[in-house]
Amino acid sequence: MKVLMVLTSHDRLGDTGKKTGFWLEEFAAPWYVFRDAGINVVLASPAGGQPPLDPKSDEPDAQTLDTERFRQDLVAQQALANTQMLANIESSTFDAVFYPGGHGPLWDLAEDRKSIELIENFYANGKPVGAVCHAPGVLRHVKKPDGTPLVAGKRVTGFTNSEEKAVGLTNVVPFLVEDVLKALGADYEKTDDWGVFTLTDGHLVTGQNPASSAAAAEELLKLLHQ
């Protein structure tokens, strides 16, 4: 089996002068869930090459067993440094797609036409689509085959307004994930801030925050093995 993981290429945190990108745990945890299960994982990003790492996710208090494992894993580091260009990806060659979060995707992947088309193709063909933390925001312009928003009427989760407030970026991000999902008609659910929480509705899997990364990947894996 073959899973596509799509990472952001955006590294600017709005007008703050600070850097952003993908969140390390949200890449590392799913990477190992998939790889340990014998899944072939291909990485892609809009610009290709090394995606930008959110420096906050590299700080000591953000580390996990998976991020420590990644730092000792030259194969994983090499794969991450050489992501394929998203424009060159064909959805037909993959069994599922998974989007790690971090704030970066809110700027680029949420608006990226190729990303939107890929997700629409995966979904229309009954292939699992997964997104964690901020990455459910990449679904904002994605439509079902009938033209309605993909998340409309679906049970979904994603980074909460209160979690965004806690990290002090409510007025920096281009949109709030919770608000957008609700506005699109999703049945948005959440647990306590920073708790592990995932939802599976049909072949769509969403996770609330970084701590939910491995659990969301495991739910996607279950769909692959059905």
Protein backbone atom coordinates (compact mmCIF):
# COMPACT_ATOMS: atom_id res chain seq x y z
CA MET A 1 0.00 0.00 0.00
CA LYS A 2 1.06 3.56 -0.68
CA VAL A 3 0.17 6.69 1.31
CA LEU A 4 0.81 10.27 0.25
CA MET A 5 1.71 12.75 2.99
CA VAL A 6 1.40 16.41 1.99
CA LEU A 7 3.36 19.08 3.86
CA THR A 8 3.34 22.86 3.69
CA SER A 9 5.94 25.00 1.92
CA HIS A 10 4.88 28.20 3.74
CA ASP A 11 7.31 29.56 6.34
CA ARG A 12 6.04 33.05 7.29
CA LEU A 13 3.81 33.52 10.32
CA GLY A 14 1.63 36.27 8.92
CA ASP A 15 3.13 39.73 9.45
CA THR A 16 4.83 38.85 12.73
CA GLY A 17 8.30 38.47 11.23
CA LYS A 18 8.43 34.99 12.78
CA LYS A 19 8.73 31.64 11.08
CA THR A 20 6.19 28.84 10.77
CA GLY A 21 5.84 25.65 8.74
CA PHE A 22 4.81 22.09 9.56
CA TRP A 23 4.67 20.74 13.11
CA LEU A 24 7.31 18.06 13.69
CA GLU A 25 5.22 15.68 15.84
CA GLU A 26 2.40 15.81 13.28
CA PHE A 27 4.79 14.54 10.63
CA ALA A 28 6.87 12.14 12.70
CA ALA A 29 4.08 10.30 14.51
CA PRO A 30 2.06 9.43 11.36
CA TRP A 31 5.26 8.65 9.43
CA TYR A 32 6.12 5.92 11.94
CA VAL A 33 2.55 4.64 12.23
CA PHE A 34 2.55 4.09 8.47
CA ARG A 35 6.13 2.91 8.06
CA ASP A 36 5.93 0.46 10.99
CA ALA A 37 2.85 -1.02 9.32
CA GLY A 38 4.82 -1.65 6.13
CA ILE A 39 3.21 1.20 4.21
CA ASN A 40 5.14 2.93 1.43
CA VAL A 41 5.02 6.66 2.27
CA VAL A 42 5.65 9.36 -0.32
CA LEU A 43 6.11 12.96 0.79
CA ALA A 44 5.08 15.98 -1.26
CA SER A 45 4.84 19.75 -0.83
CA PRO A 46 3.92 22.65 -3.11
CA ALA A 47 7.54 23.72 -3.62
CA GLY A 48 9.16 20.29 -3.30
CA GLY A 49 12.40 19.72 -1.43
CA GLN A 50 12.76 20.45 2.29
CA PRO A 51 9.54 21.80 3.82
CA PRO A 52 9.92 24.47 6.52
CA LEU A 53 9.78 23.24 10.10
CA ASP A 54 7.87 25.35 12.62
CA PRO A 55 10.66 26.28 15.06
CA LYS A 56 8.24 26.04 17.99
CA SER A 57 7.82 22.32 17.24
CA ASP A 58 11.58 21.90 17.60
CA GLU A 59 11.64 23.22 21.17
CA PRO A 60 12.27 20.82 24.08
CA ASP A 61 8.71 20.88 25.44
CA ALA A 62 7.30 19.80 22.05
CA GLN A 63 9.36 16.62 21.80
CA THR A 64 7.96 13.09 21.86
CA LEU A 65 9.31 9.58 21.40
CA ASP A 66 8.50 9.90 17.69
CA THR A 67 10.35 13.19 17.23
CA GLU A 68 13.37 11.77 19.06
CA ARG A 69 13.22 8.69 16.83
CA PHE A 70 13.13 10.96 13.79
CA ARG A 71 16.31 12.73 14.87
CA GLN A 72 18.15 9.39 14.82
CA ASP A 73 16.58 8.29 11.52
CA LEU A 74 18.64 9.31 8.50
CA VAL A 75 16.23 7.62 6.09
CA ALA A 76 13.29 9.68 7.36
CA GLN A 77 15.37 12.87 7.36
CA GLN A 78 16.44 12.23 3.77
CA ALA A 79 12.85 11.61 2.68
CA LEU A 80 11.73 14.85 4.33
CA ALA A 81 14.53 16.82 2.70
CA ASN A 82 13.46 15.63 -0.74
CA THR A 83 9.68 15.95 -0.90
CA GLN A 84 8.22 15.69 -4.38
CA MET A 85 6.55 18.68 -5.98
CA LEU A 86 2.82 18.48 -5.37
CA ALA A 87 2.09 19.44 -8.99
CA ASN A 88 3.72 16.18 -10.14
CA ILE A 89 1.61 13.90 -7.93
CA GLU A 90 -1.06 11.63 -9.40
CA SER A 91 -3.73 10.60 -6.90
CA SER A 92 -4.46 7.39 -8.84
CA THR A 93 -1.11 5.91 -7.74
CA PHE A 94 -1.91 6.20 -4.00
CA ASP A 95 -4.28 4.43 -1.61
CA ALA A 96 -4.75 7.32 0.85
CA VAL A 97 -3.59 10.85 1.66
CA PHE A 98 -2.65 12.39 5.01
CA TYR A 99 -2.01 16.05 5.87
CA PRO A 100 0.12 16.98 8.92
CA GLY A 101 -0.61 20.39 10.37
CA GLY A 102 1.35 23.30 11.72
CA HIS A 103 0.22 26.81 10.87
CA GLY A 104 1.81 26.81 7.42
CA PRO A 105 -0.99 24.90 5.63
CA LEU A 106 -3.50 27.64 6.48
CA TRP A 107 -1.67 29.94 4.06
CA ASP A 108 -0.65 27.67 1.21
CA LEU A 109 -2.34 24.26 1.13
CA ALA A 110 -5.78 25.63 2.03
CA GLU A 111 -5.67 27.70 -1.17
CA ASP A 112 -3.57 25.41 -3.38
CA ARG A 113 -5.57 24.30 -6.43
CA LYS A 114 -3.53 21.11 -6.91
CA SER A 115 -4.03 20.12 -3.26
CA ILE A 116 -7.76 20.79 -3.49
CA GLU A 117 -8.06 18.69 -6.67
CA LEU A 118 -6.04 15.86 -5.13
CA ILE A 119 -8.27 15.66 -2.07
CA GLU A 120 -11.38 15.79 -4.24
CA ASN A 121 -10.03 12.91 -6.34
CA PHE A 122 -9.10 10.81 -3.32
CA TYR A 123 -12.50 11.41 -1.75
CA ALA A 124 -14.52 10.81 -4.91
CA ASN A 125 -12.74 7.48 -5.39
CA GLY A 126 -13.45 6.30 -1.86
CA LYS A 127 -9.86 6.57 -0.69
CA PRO A 128 -9.12 7.62 2.92
CA VAL A 129 -8.35 11.29 3.51
CA GLY A 130 -6.72 12.28 6.81
CA ALA A 131 -5.79 15.64 8.36
CA VAL A 132 -4.64 16.62 11.83
CA CYS A 133 -4.57 19.82 13.92
CA HIS A 134 -4.52 22.82 11.54
CA ALA A 135 -4.57 20.59 8.47
CA PRO A 136 -8.37 20.11 8.47
CA GLY A 137 -8.27 23.74 7.33
CA VAL A 138 -6.98 22.52 3.94
CA LEU A 139 -10.49 21.14 3.37
CA ARG A 140 -12.10 24.60 3.31
CA HIS A 141 -12.45 24.78 -0.51
CA VAL A 142 -12.72 21.02 -1.14
CA LYS A 143 -15.99 19.84 -2.66
CA LYS A 144 -17.79 16.51 -2.86
CA PRO A 145 -18.70 15.25 -6.34
CA ASP A 146 -22.11 16.93 -5.94
CA GLY A 147 -20.46 20.34 -5.48
CA THR A 148 -21.20 20.75 -1.77
CA PRO A 149 -18.40 21.29 0.77
CA LEU A 150 -16.66 18.02 1.61
CA VAL A 151 -17.08 18.58 5.35
CA ALA A 152 -20.75 19.59 5.20
CA GLY A 153 -22.78 17.27 7.41
CA LYS A 154 -19.67 15.35 8.47
CA ARG A 155 -18.34 14.82 11.97
CA VAL A 156 -14.96 16.52 12.00
CA THR A 157 -12.47 18.01 14.42
CA GLY A 158 -9.40 20.23 14.18
CA PHE A 159 -7.42 22.81 16.15
CA THR A 160 -9.86 24.57 18.45
CA ASN A 161 -10.40 28.31 18.85
CA SER A 162 -9.33 28.01 22.48
CA GLU A 163 -6.13 26.19 21.52
CA GLU A 164 -5.36 28.94 19.00
CA LYS A 165 -6.00 31.53 21.69
CA ALA A 166 -3.65 29.66 24.03
CA VAL A 167 -0.79 29.92 21.54
CA GLY A 168 -1.57 33.61 20.97
CA LEU A 169 -2.22 33.46 17.23
CA THR A 170 -5.97 34.08 16.96
CA ASN A 171 -5.39 37.42 15.23
CA VAL A 172 -2.43 36.22 13.14
CA VAL A 173 -3.79 33.20 11.27
CA PRO A 174 -5.76 33.80 8.04
CA PHE A 175 -8.70 31.87 9.49
CA LEU A 176 -9.66 29.82 12.53
CA VAL A 177 -10.02 26.11 11.75
CA GLU A 178 -12.95 25.57 14.12
CA ASP A 179 -14.87 28.56 12.76
CA VAL A 180 -14.34 27.62 9.10
CA LEU A 181 -15.39 24.00 9.58
CA LYS A 182 -18.56 25.10 11.34
CA ALA A 183 -19.31 27.71 8.67
CA LEU A 184 -19.06 25.01 6.00
CA GLY A 185 -21.77 22.99 7.73
CA ALA A 186 -19.57 20.44 9.45
CA ASP A 187 -20.64 18.75 12.66
CA TYR A 188 -17.59 20.03 14.53
CA GLU A 189 -16.61 18.24 17.75
CA LYS A 190 -13.73 18.57 20.20
CA THR A 191 -12.38 17.39 23.52
CA ASP A 192 -10.44 19.33 26.16
CA ASP A 193 -7.61 21.48 24.84
CA TRP A 194 -4.51 19.41 24.00
CA GLY A 195 -6.34 16.12 24.61
CA VAL A 196 -6.18 13.25 22.12
CA PHE A 197 -9.27 13.31 19.89
CA THR A 198 -10.00 11.96 16.43
CA LEU A 199 -13.11 11.43 14.36
CA THR A 200 -13.76 9.13 11.42
CA ASP A 201 -16.78 9.81 9.23
CA GLY A 202 -16.91 7.59 6.18
CA HIS A 203 -13.41 7.74 4.72
CA LEU A 204 -12.55 11.14 6.22
CA VAL A 205 -10.32 11.15 9.33
CA THR A 206 -9.55 14.28 11.37
CA GLY A 207 -7.51 14.86 14.53
CA GLN A 208 -7.76 17.82 16.89
CA ASN A 209 -4.17 18.75 17.75
CA PRO A 210 -0.53 17.55 17.78
CA ALA A 211 -1.26 14.94 20.45
CA SER A 212 -3.86 13.40 18.13
CA SER A 213 -1.40 12.81 15.27
CA ALA A 214 -0.60 9.15 15.88
CA ALA A 215 -4.22 8.32 16.69
CA ALA A 216 -5.43 9.96 13.47
CA ALA A 217 -2.85 8.02 11.43
CA GLU A 218 -3.95 4.79 13.13
CA GLU A 219 -7.57 5.51 12.20
CA LEU A 220 -6.53 6.05 8.58
CA LEU A 221 -4.62 2.77 8.70
CA LYS A 222 -7.79 0.98 9.86
CA LEU A 223 -9.64 2.31 6.82
CA LEU A 224 -6.85 1.08 4.55
CA HIS A 225 -7.15 -2.41 5.96
CA GLN A 226 -10.93 -2.67 5.70
